[in-house]
Amino acid sequence: MKENVKILVVDDEAIMRNLLLKILEQEGYKITLSNCYKEAIEQLETDDFDIVLSDVKMPEISGFELLKEIKSRWPKTAVIMMTAYGDAYTVKEALMLGADEYITKPFKSYEISLIIERAYWRQLASNKRELINLDCQE
């Protein structure tokens, strides 16, 4: 199953991108890396991703702006927000903007794996409910 799950990792820190690449590839996921908002949007326009794992704080455009764009244009894509600043306001804002999950750095590899799996299954269930509702309306 995991080998069919495509994840886009968006973080301006190369160390974090490479760490996530190593962790998630070991889990069997297909990973694409991006270092900024613009590159992430370009990748989303050319490929389908099940999950976007994005940092909140990025130099040019925040992860919250990326979250809003993804939920507007690719609503079936799950979005997990990451930040080193885990205050209640940041968590609340991420969830209100449509984040499917939220994780605070630093995290353990098993934590990120668990959150990704939970987001994937939640998104899959949501998409399935949507299809069932469409079938019932016909």
Protein backbone atom coordinates (compact mmCIF):
# COMPACT_ATOMS: atom_id res chain seq x y z
CA MET A 1 0.00 0.00 0.00
CA LYS A 2 2.65 2.53 1.03
CA GLU A 3 4.49 2.21 -2.27
CA ASN A 4 1.44 3.77 -3.95
CA VAL A 5 1.26 6.76 -1.58
CA LYS A 6 2.91 9.87 -3.03
CA ILE A 7 4.10 12.53 -0.60
CA LEU A 8 5.39 16.01 -1.37
CA VAL A 9 7.71 17.31 1.37
CA VAL A 10 8.02 21.12 1.45
CA ASP A 11 10.65 22.63 3.74
CA ASP A 12 13.25 25.35 3.18
CA GLU A 13 15.81 23.46 5.32
CA ALA A 14 17.73 20.85 3.33
CA ILE A 15 18.56 18.89 6.48
CA MET A 16 14.87 18.46 7.32
CA ARG A 17 13.94 17.55 3.73
CA ASN A 18 16.67 14.91 3.60
CA LEU A 19 15.77 13.52 7.03
CA LEU A 20 12.13 13.15 5.99
CA LEU A 21 13.19 11.60 2.68
CA LYS A 22 15.22 8.97 4.52
CA ILE A 23 12.50 8.20 7.09
CA LEU A 24 9.64 8.03 4.60
CA GLU A 25 11.49 6.11 1.88
CA GLN A 26 12.35 3.48 4.49
CA GLU A 27 8.61 3.24 5.17
CA GLY A 28 8.06 2.63 1.45
CA TYR A 29 6.45 5.93 0.42
CA LYS A 30 7.16 7.70 -2.89
CA ILE A 31 8.71 11.03 -1.93
CA THR A 32 9.21 14.27 -3.84
CA LEU A 33 11.10 17.16 -2.24
CA SER A 34 10.50 20.88 -2.59
CA ASN A 35 12.26 23.80 -0.92
CA CYS A 36 9.67 26.56 -1.40
CA TYR A 37 6.08 27.52 -2.17
CA LYS A 38 6.67 28.17 -5.88
CA GLU A 39 8.39 24.85 -6.50
CA ALA A 40 5.70 23.00 -4.52
CA ILE A 41 2.91 24.54 -6.62
CA GLU A 42 4.76 23.61 -9.83
CA GLN A 43 5.07 20.02 -8.62
CA LEU A 44 1.41 19.87 -7.59
CA GLU A 45 0.41 21.12 -11.04
CA THR A 46 2.38 18.38 -12.79
CA ASP A 47 1.84 15.39 -10.48
CA ASP A 48 -0.84 14.00 -8.16
CA PHE A 49 0.08 13.73 -4.49
CA ASP A 50 -1.83 12.00 -1.73
CA ILE A 51 -0.18 14.03 1.02
CA VAL A 52 1.74 17.30 1.31
CA LEU A 53 3.96 17.62 4.36
CA SER A 54 4.82 21.31 4.70
CA ASP A 55 6.74 23.49 7.09
CA VAL A 56 4.83 26.50 8.42
CA LYS A 57 7.72 28.97 8.45
CA MET A 58 9.37 29.49 5.08
CA PRO A 59 11.29 32.55 3.88
CA GLU A 60 9.19 33.87 0.98
CA ILE A 61 5.64 32.56 1.43
CA SER A 62 4.40 30.78 4.55
CA GLY A 63 3.23 27.21 4.72
CA PHE A 64 -0.21 28.58 5.63
CA GLU A 65 -0.44 30.20 2.20
CA LEU A 66 0.55 26.90 0.62
CA LEU A 67 -2.08 25.13 2.74
CA LYS A 68 -4.79 27.55 1.54
CA GLU A 69 -3.76 27.10 -2.10
CA ILE A 70 -3.75 23.30 -1.84
CA LYS A 71 -7.15 23.15 -0.15
CA SER A 72 -8.53 25.50 -2.81
CA ARG A 73 -7.08 23.75 -5.86
CA TRP A 74 -6.48 20.15 -4.71
CA PRO A 75 -9.01 19.56 -1.93
CA LYS A 76 -8.54 15.78 -1.95
CA THR A 77 -4.87 16.12 -1.04
CA ALA A 78 -4.16 15.69 2.67
CA VAL A 79 -1.94 18.38 4.20
CA ILE A 80 0.20 17.95 7.29
CA MET A 81 1.78 21.08 8.75
CA MET A 82 5.12 21.01 10.60
CA THR A 83 6.64 23.68 12.79
CA ALA A 84 9.19 24.25 15.52
CA TYR A 85 6.73 26.73 17.03
CA GLY A 86 3.95 24.61 18.52
CA ASP A 87 1.94 27.29 20.25
CA ALA A 88 -1.85 26.96 20.47
CA TYR A 89 -2.44 29.83 18.02
CA THR A 90 -0.36 28.20 15.27
CA VAL A 91 -2.07 24.84 15.73
CA LYS A 92 -5.52 26.47 15.72
CA GLU A 93 -4.75 28.49 12.59
CA ALA A 94 -3.47 25.41 10.73
CA LEU A 95 -6.56 23.40 11.60
CA MET A 96 -8.94 26.26 10.76
CA LEU A 97 -7.29 26.60 7.34
CA GLY A 98 -7.92 22.92 6.64
CA ALA A 99 -4.78 21.09 7.75
CA ASP A 100 -5.47 17.40 8.17
CA GLU A 101 -2.73 16.92 10.74
CA TYR A 102 -0.12 18.92 12.61
CA ILE A 103 3.27 17.98 14.06
CA THR A 104 5.80 19.91 16.11
CA LYS A 105 9.53 19.67 15.42
CA PRO A 106 11.57 17.93 16.62
CA PHE A 107 9.70 14.68 16.23
CA LYS A 108 10.59 11.03 16.29
CA SER A 109 10.50 9.00 13.08
CA TYR A 110 7.68 6.80 14.34
CA GLU A 111 5.59 9.92 15.14
CA ILE A 112 5.80 11.29 11.60
CA SER A 113 5.06 7.84 10.16
CA LEU A 114 1.99 7.49 12.37
CA ILE A 115 0.69 10.96 11.47
CA ILE A 116 1.19 10.35 7.75
CA GLU A 117 -0.62 7.02 7.92
CA ARG A 118 -3.49 8.56 9.90
CA ALA A 119 -3.82 11.46 7.44
CA TYR A 120 -3.77 9.09 4.48
CA TRP A 121 -6.50 6.82 5.87
CA ARG A 122 -8.63 9.79 6.93
CA GLN A 123 -8.36 11.30 3.44
CA LEU A 124 -9.12 7.96 1.81
CA ALA A 125 -12.23 7.55 3.99
CA SER A 126 -13.35 11.10 3.20
CA ASN A 127 -12.97 10.54 -0.55
CA LYS A 128 -14.87 7.25 -0.30
CA ARG A 129 -17.73 8.92 1.64
CA GLU A 130 -17.87 11.59 -1.07
CA LEU A 131 -18.20 8.92 -3.78
CA ILE A 132 -20.93 7.12 -1.82
CA ASN A 133 -22.85 10.38 -1.39
CA LEU A 134 -22.60 11.07 -5.12
CA ASP A 135 -23.91 7.58 -5.91
CA CYS A 136 -26.86 8.07 -3.52
CA GLN A 137 -27.82 11.36 -5.17
CA GLU A 138 -28.13 9.84 -8.62
